[in-house]
């Protein structure tokens, strides 16, 4: 199982596009959830934060081993999701991987995530 929380900075002036992106994901949740199956993605959550003049998105995920990478998907929802990513995420700012210090998942749930 892979558990991650990563911070990405949003390109300047892309707040409206991020609003559109997040609304798109929420409005198409049934399709989004279909794509998570192939990725063996058990949980994926996007958080948003504004610090001073900068906007950040955080991805928190719990993923099983051997899932398909989103970049390999041919599903229309993933293609659109990655297009938003390309437009909105600042590639000049290195992604920040937060370190998991404690993982609290009951065994009955952990056992179903294999």
N, C-alpha and C. Protein backbone atom coordinates (compact mmCIF):
# COMPACT_ATOMS: atom_id res chain seq x y z
N UNK A 1 0.85 -1.17 0.00
CA UNK A 1 0.00 0.00 0.00
C UNK A 1 0.89 1.23 0.00
N UNK A 2 0.51 2.22 -0.79
CA UNK A 2 1.26 3.46 -0.90
C UNK A 2 0.38 4.61 -0.40
N UNK A 3 0.85 5.32 0.61
CA UNK A 3 0.10 6.44 1.17
C UNK A 3 0.92 7.70 0.94
N UNK A 4 0.30 8.69 0.28
CA UNK A 4 1.02 9.92 -0.06
C UNK A 4 0.18 11.15 0.24
N UNK A 5 0.91 12.22 0.56
CA UNK A 5 0.32 13.56 0.61
C UNK A 5 1.36 14.47 -0.01
N UNK A 6 1.00 15.10 -1.13
CA UNK A 6 1.94 15.90 -1.90
C UNK A 6 1.35 17.27 -2.17
N UNK A 7 2.22 18.30 -2.03
CA UNK A 7 1.79 19.68 -2.28
C UNK A 7 2.34 20.14 -3.64
N UNK A 8 1.45 20.76 -4.42
CA UNK A 8 1.80 21.32 -5.72
C UNK A 8 1.37 22.79 -5.74
N UNK A 9 2.20 23.64 -6.31
CA UNK A 9 1.83 25.04 -6.43
C UNK A 9 1.08 25.27 -7.73
N UNK A 10 0.07 26.11 -7.66
CA UNK A 10 -0.75 26.46 -8.82
C UNK A 10 -0.10 27.63 -9.55
N UNK A 11 -0.15 27.58 -10.88
CA UNK A 11 0.36 28.70 -11.69
C UNK A 11 -0.38 29.97 -11.35
N UNK A 12 0.34 31.08 -11.37
CA UNK A 12 -0.26 32.40 -11.14
C UNK A 12 -1.42 32.63 -12.11
N UNK A 13 -2.50 33.20 -11.60
CA UNK A 13 -3.63 33.55 -12.45
C UNK A 13 -4.52 32.39 -12.85
N UNK A 14 -4.35 31.21 -12.25
CA UNK A 14 -5.13 30.04 -12.64
C UNK A 14 -6.20 29.64 -11.62
N UNK A 15 -6.51 30.50 -10.67
CA UNK A 15 -7.51 30.17 -9.66
C UNK A 15 -8.86 29.84 -10.30
N UNK A 16 -9.30 30.62 -11.28
CA UNK A 16 -10.58 30.33 -11.93
C UNK A 16 -10.55 28.98 -12.63
N UNK A 17 -9.41 28.65 -13.25
CA UNK A 17 -9.29 27.36 -13.94
C UNK A 17 -9.27 26.23 -12.91
N UNK A 18 -8.64 26.43 -11.76
CA UNK A 18 -8.66 25.42 -10.69
C UNK A 18 -10.09 25.24 -10.19
N UNK A 19 -10.84 26.34 -10.03
CA UNK A 19 -12.25 26.24 -9.64
C UNK A 19 -13.00 25.36 -10.64
N UNK A 20 -12.77 25.59 -11.91
CA UNK A 20 -13.42 24.82 -12.97
C UNK A 20 -13.01 23.34 -12.88
N UNK A 21 -11.72 23.09 -12.67
CA UNK A 21 -11.17 21.73 -12.58
C UNK A 21 -11.81 20.95 -11.44
N UNK A 22 -11.82 21.55 -10.26
CA UNK A 22 -12.38 20.87 -9.09
C UNK A 22 -13.88 20.66 -9.25
N UNK A 23 -14.56 21.63 -9.82
CA UNK A 23 -16.00 21.46 -10.08
C UNK A 23 -16.22 20.34 -11.09
N UNK A 24 -15.38 20.26 -12.11
CA UNK A 24 -15.47 19.19 -13.11
C UNK A 24 -15.35 17.82 -12.43
N UNK A 25 -14.36 17.66 -11.57
CA UNK A 25 -14.19 16.38 -10.88
C UNK A 25 -15.40 16.05 -10.02
N UNK A 26 -15.89 17.03 -9.27
CA UNK A 26 -17.06 16.80 -8.42
C UNK A 26 -18.31 16.48 -9.23
N UNK A 27 -18.47 17.16 -10.36
CA UNK A 27 -19.67 16.96 -11.19
C UNK A 27 -19.65 15.63 -11.93
N UNK A 28 -18.48 15.04 -12.11
CA UNK A 28 -18.34 13.78 -12.84
C UNK A 28 -17.82 12.67 -11.92
N UNK A 29 -18.22 12.70 -10.67
CA UNK A 29 -17.66 11.79 -9.68
C UNK A 29 -17.88 10.32 -10.03
N UNK A 30 -19.03 9.97 -10.60
CA UNK A 30 -19.25 8.56 -10.97
C UNK A 30 -18.18 8.08 -11.94
N UNK A 31 -17.87 8.88 -12.94
CA UNK A 31 -16.83 8.53 -13.92
C UNK A 31 -15.46 8.52 -13.27
N UNK A 32 -15.20 9.49 -12.40
CA UNK A 32 -13.92 9.55 -11.69
C UNK A 32 -13.71 8.26 -10.90
N UNK A 33 -14.73 7.84 -10.19
CA UNK A 33 -14.61 6.63 -9.36
C UNK A 33 -14.34 5.39 -10.19
N UNK A 34 -14.87 5.34 -11.42
CA UNK A 34 -14.60 4.22 -12.31
C UNK A 34 -13.11 4.15 -12.62
N UNK A 35 -12.49 5.28 -12.87
CA UNK A 35 -11.06 5.28 -13.23
C UNK A 35 -10.18 4.91 -12.04
N UNK A 36 -10.64 5.17 -10.83
CA UNK A 36 -9.84 4.84 -9.65
C UNK A 36 -9.66 3.34 -9.49
N UNK A 37 -10.62 2.56 -9.97
CA UNK A 37 -10.53 1.10 -9.87
C UNK A 37 -9.27 0.57 -10.53
N UNK A 38 -9.00 1.01 -11.76
CA UNK A 38 -7.83 0.54 -12.49
C UNK A 38 -6.52 1.00 -11.87
N UNK A 39 -6.58 2.11 -11.17
CA UNK A 39 -5.39 2.64 -10.50
C UNK A 39 -5.15 1.98 -9.14
N UNK A 40 -6.10 1.14 -8.71
CA UNK A 40 -6.08 0.58 -7.36
C UNK A 40 -5.99 1.70 -6.32
N UNK A 41 -6.70 2.79 -6.63
CA UNK A 41 -6.72 3.96 -5.76
C UNK A 41 -7.90 3.80 -4.81
N UNK A 42 -7.58 3.61 -3.53
CA UNK A 42 -8.63 3.41 -2.53
C UNK A 42 -9.19 4.74 -2.05
N UNK A 43 -8.32 5.71 -1.89
CA UNK A 43 -8.73 7.04 -1.43
C UNK A 43 -7.90 8.06 -2.18
N UNK A 44 -8.56 9.08 -2.71
CA UNK A 44 -7.85 10.20 -3.29
C UNK A 44 -8.62 11.46 -2.93
N UNK A 45 -7.93 12.38 -2.32
CA UNK A 45 -8.56 13.62 -1.87
C UNK A 45 -7.68 14.79 -2.27
N UNK A 46 -8.30 15.85 -2.75
CA UNK A 46 -7.57 17.07 -3.11
C UNK A 46 -7.93 18.15 -2.09
N UNK A 47 -6.91 18.74 -1.50
CA UNK A 47 -7.07 19.86 -0.59
C UNK A 47 -6.52 21.11 -1.27
N UNK A 48 -6.98 22.26 -0.81
CA UNK A 48 -6.56 23.52 -1.40
C UNK A 48 -6.16 24.47 -0.29
N UNK A 49 -5.11 25.26 -0.55
CA UNK A 49 -4.63 26.21 0.44
C UNK A 49 -4.09 27.45 -0.26
N UNK A 50 -4.30 28.59 0.36
CA UNK A 50 -3.71 29.85 -0.10
C UNK A 50 -2.76 30.32 0.98
N UNK A 51 -1.50 30.55 0.62
CA UNK A 51 -0.49 31.08 1.54
C UNK A 51 0.10 32.31 0.88
N UNK A 52 -0.07 33.46 1.55
CA UNK A 52 0.36 34.75 0.99
C UNK A 52 -0.25 34.89 -0.40
N UNK A 53 0.56 35.06 -1.43
CA UNK A 53 0.00 35.24 -2.78
C UNK A 53 -0.08 33.94 -3.56
N UNK A 54 0.27 32.84 -2.96
CA UNK A 54 0.35 31.57 -3.70
C UNK A 54 -0.78 30.61 -3.34
N UNK A 55 -1.19 29.88 -4.34
CA UNK A 55 -2.23 28.86 -4.18
C UNK A 55 -1.58 27.49 -4.33
N UNK A 56 -2.02 26.55 -3.48
CA UNK A 56 -1.46 25.20 -3.50
C UNK A 56 -2.59 24.19 -3.51
N UNK A 57 -2.33 23.06 -4.18
CA UNK A 57 -3.22 21.91 -4.11
C UNK A 57 -2.42 20.77 -3.49
N UNK A 58 -3.09 20.04 -2.61
CA UNK A 58 -2.49 18.89 -1.94
C UNK A 58 -3.25 17.65 -2.38
N UNK A 59 -2.54 16.62 -2.77
CA UNK A 59 -3.14 15.33 -3.11
C UNK A 59 -2.82 14.37 -1.98
N UNK A 60 -3.86 13.83 -1.38
CA UNK A 60 -3.72 12.77 -0.39
C UNK A 60 -4.29 11.50 -1.02
N UNK A 61 -3.50 10.42 -0.97
CA UNK A 61 -4.00 9.19 -1.59
C UNK A 61 -3.53 7.96 -0.84
N UNK A 62 -4.36 6.94 -0.92
CA UNK A 62 -4.04 5.60 -0.43
C UNK A 62 -4.27 4.69 -1.63
N UNK A 63 -3.18 4.05 -2.07
CA UNK A 63 -3.23 3.28 -3.31
C UNK A 63 -2.61 1.91 -3.09
N UNK A 64 -3.23 0.91 -3.68
CA UNK A 64 -2.67 -0.44 -3.67
C UNK A 64 -1.53 -0.56 -4.66
N UNK A 65 -0.80 -1.62 -4.56
CA UNK A 65 0.33 -1.86 -5.46
C UNK A 65 -0.15 -2.40 -6.80
N UNK A 66 0.56 -2.01 -7.86
CA UNK A 66 0.29 -2.56 -9.18
C UNK A 66 -0.82 -1.88 -9.95
N UNK A 67 -1.28 -0.72 -9.51
CA UNK A 67 -2.33 -0.03 -10.24
C UNK A 67 -1.78 0.71 -11.45
N UNK A 68 -2.66 1.00 -12.37
CA UNK A 68 -2.30 1.75 -13.57
C UNK A 68 -2.04 3.21 -13.21
N UNK A 69 -1.01 3.81 -13.79
CA UNK A 69 -0.75 5.24 -13.60
C UNK A 69 -1.80 6.04 -14.37
N UNK A 70 -2.23 7.14 -13.79
CA UNK A 70 -3.25 7.97 -14.44
C UNK A 70 -2.77 8.42 -15.82
N UNK A 71 -1.47 8.62 -15.98
CA UNK A 71 -0.92 9.06 -17.26
C UNK A 71 -1.07 8.00 -18.35
N UNK A 72 -1.28 6.75 -17.97
CA UNK A 72 -1.46 5.66 -18.94
C UNK A 72 -2.92 5.45 -19.33
N UNK A 73 -3.82 6.10 -18.63
CA UNK A 73 -5.25 5.91 -18.86
C UNK A 73 -5.69 6.51 -20.19
N UNK A 74 -6.60 5.82 -20.84
CA UNK A 74 -7.21 6.32 -22.08
C UNK A 74 -8.64 6.83 -21.82
N UNK A 75 -9.08 6.80 -20.58
CA UNK A 75 -10.43 7.23 -20.22
C UNK A 75 -10.54 8.75 -20.39
N UNK A 76 -11.63 9.20 -20.97
CA UNK A 76 -11.80 10.63 -21.26
C UNK A 76 -11.70 11.49 -20.01
N UNK A 77 -12.13 10.99 -18.87
CA UNK A 77 -12.10 11.80 -17.64
C UNK A 77 -10.66 12.05 -17.21
N UNK A 78 -9.80 11.03 -17.35
CA UNK A 78 -8.39 11.19 -16.99
C UNK A 78 -7.66 12.10 -17.97
N UNK A 79 -8.01 12.01 -19.24
CA UNK A 79 -7.39 12.87 -20.25
C UNK A 79 -7.70 14.33 -19.94
N UNK A 80 -8.96 14.61 -19.60
CA UNK A 80 -9.35 15.99 -19.26
C UNK A 80 -8.70 16.42 -17.94
N UNK A 81 -8.66 15.53 -16.96
CA UNK A 81 -8.02 15.81 -15.68
C UNK A 81 -6.55 16.19 -15.89
N UNK A 82 -5.84 15.44 -16.71
CA UNK A 82 -4.43 15.73 -16.97
C UNK A 82 -4.25 17.03 -17.76
N UNK A 83 -5.20 17.38 -18.60
CA UNK A 83 -5.13 18.66 -19.32
C UNK A 83 -5.24 19.82 -18.33
N UNK A 84 -6.16 19.71 -17.36
CA UNK A 84 -6.24 20.72 -16.30
C UNK A 84 -4.92 20.79 -15.55
N UNK A 85 -4.38 19.61 -15.22
CA UNK A 85 -3.11 19.54 -14.49
C UNK A 85 -2.03 20.33 -15.24
N UNK A 86 -1.90 20.03 -16.52
CA UNK A 86 -0.87 20.69 -17.33
C UNK A 86 -1.03 22.21 -17.33
N UNK A 87 -2.25 22.68 -17.35
CA UNK A 87 -2.50 24.12 -17.39
C UNK A 87 -2.32 24.78 -16.03
N UNK A 88 -2.64 24.07 -14.97
CA UNK A 88 -2.73 24.71 -13.66
C UNK A 88 -1.54 24.50 -12.74
N UNK A 89 -0.82 23.41 -12.85
CA UNK A 89 0.25 23.11 -11.89
C UNK A 89 1.56 23.74 -12.35
N UNK A 90 2.21 24.43 -11.43
CA UNK A 90 3.47 25.13 -11.66
C UNK A 90 4.62 24.13 -11.66
N UNK A 91 5.16 23.85 -12.83
CA UNK A 91 6.24 22.86 -12.95
C UNK A 91 7.58 23.41 -12.45
N UNK A 92 7.69 24.72 -12.29
CA UNK A 92 8.95 25.30 -11.80
C UNK A 92 9.08 25.17 -10.28
N UNK A 93 7.97 24.84 -9.62
CA UNK A 93 7.98 24.66 -8.17
C UNK A 93 8.00 23.17 -7.87
N UNK A 94 9.04 22.67 -7.21
CA UNK A 94 9.10 21.23 -6.96
C UNK A 94 7.97 20.75 -6.06
N UNK A 95 7.41 19.60 -6.41
CA UNK A 95 6.37 19.00 -5.57
C UNK A 95 6.98 18.69 -4.20
N UNK A 96 6.18 18.86 -3.17
CA UNK A 96 6.65 18.61 -1.80
C UNK A 96 5.91 17.38 -1.28
N UNK A 97 6.67 16.32 -1.02
CA UNK A 97 6.11 15.09 -0.45
C UNK A 97 6.11 15.23 1.07
N UNK A 98 4.94 15.20 1.66
CA UNK A 98 4.87 15.24 3.12
C UNK A 98 5.12 13.83 3.65
N UNK A 99 5.77 13.76 4.78
CA UNK A 99 6.14 12.47 5.36
C UNK A 99 5.01 11.97 6.26
N UNK A 100 4.53 10.77 5.99
CA UNK A 100 3.53 10.14 6.86
C UNK A 100 4.24 9.65 8.12
N UNK A 101 3.77 10.07 9.26
CA UNK A 101 4.37 9.68 10.53
C UNK A 101 3.54 8.61 11.24
N UNK A 102 2.25 8.66 11.07
CA UNK A 102 1.35 7.70 11.70
C UNK A 102 0.27 7.35 10.69
N UNK A 103 0.03 6.07 10.50
CA UNK A 103 -1.04 5.62 9.60
C UNK A 103 -2.03 4.84 10.45
N UNK A 104 -3.24 5.34 10.50
CA UNK A 104 -4.29 4.73 11.33
C UNK A 104 -5.38 4.18 10.43
N UNK A 105 -5.26 2.91 10.10
CA UNK A 105 -6.25 2.21 9.30
C UNK A 105 -6.56 0.91 10.03
N UNK A 106 -7.79 0.72 10.46
CA UNK A 106 -8.13 -0.53 11.14
C UNK A 106 -7.81 -1.74 10.26
N UNK A 107 -7.41 -2.83 10.89
CA UNK A 107 -7.03 -4.04 10.15
C UNK A 107 -8.12 -4.53 9.22
N UNK A 108 -9.37 -4.47 9.62
CA UNK A 108 -10.46 -4.96 8.77
C UNK A 108 -10.54 -4.16 7.47
N UNK A 109 -10.19 -2.90 7.53
CA UNK A 109 -10.18 -2.06 6.31
C UNK A 109 -8.87 -2.28 5.56
N UNK A 110 -7.77 -2.29 6.26
CA UNK A 110 -6.45 -2.52 5.64
C UNK A 110 -6.44 -3.84 4.86
N UNK A 111 -7.04 -4.88 5.44
CA UNK A 111 -7.08 -6.21 4.80
C UNK A 111 -7.86 -6.19 3.50
N UNK A 112 -8.82 -5.29 3.36
CA UNK A 112 -9.60 -5.22 2.12
C UNK A 112 -8.90 -4.37 1.05
N UNK A 113 -7.78 -3.77 1.41
CA UNK A 113 -7.03 -2.91 0.49
C UNK A 113 -5.85 -3.64 -0.15
N UNK A 114 -5.97 -4.93 -0.33
CA UNK A 114 -4.84 -5.67 -0.91
C UNK A 114 -5.16 -6.12 -2.30
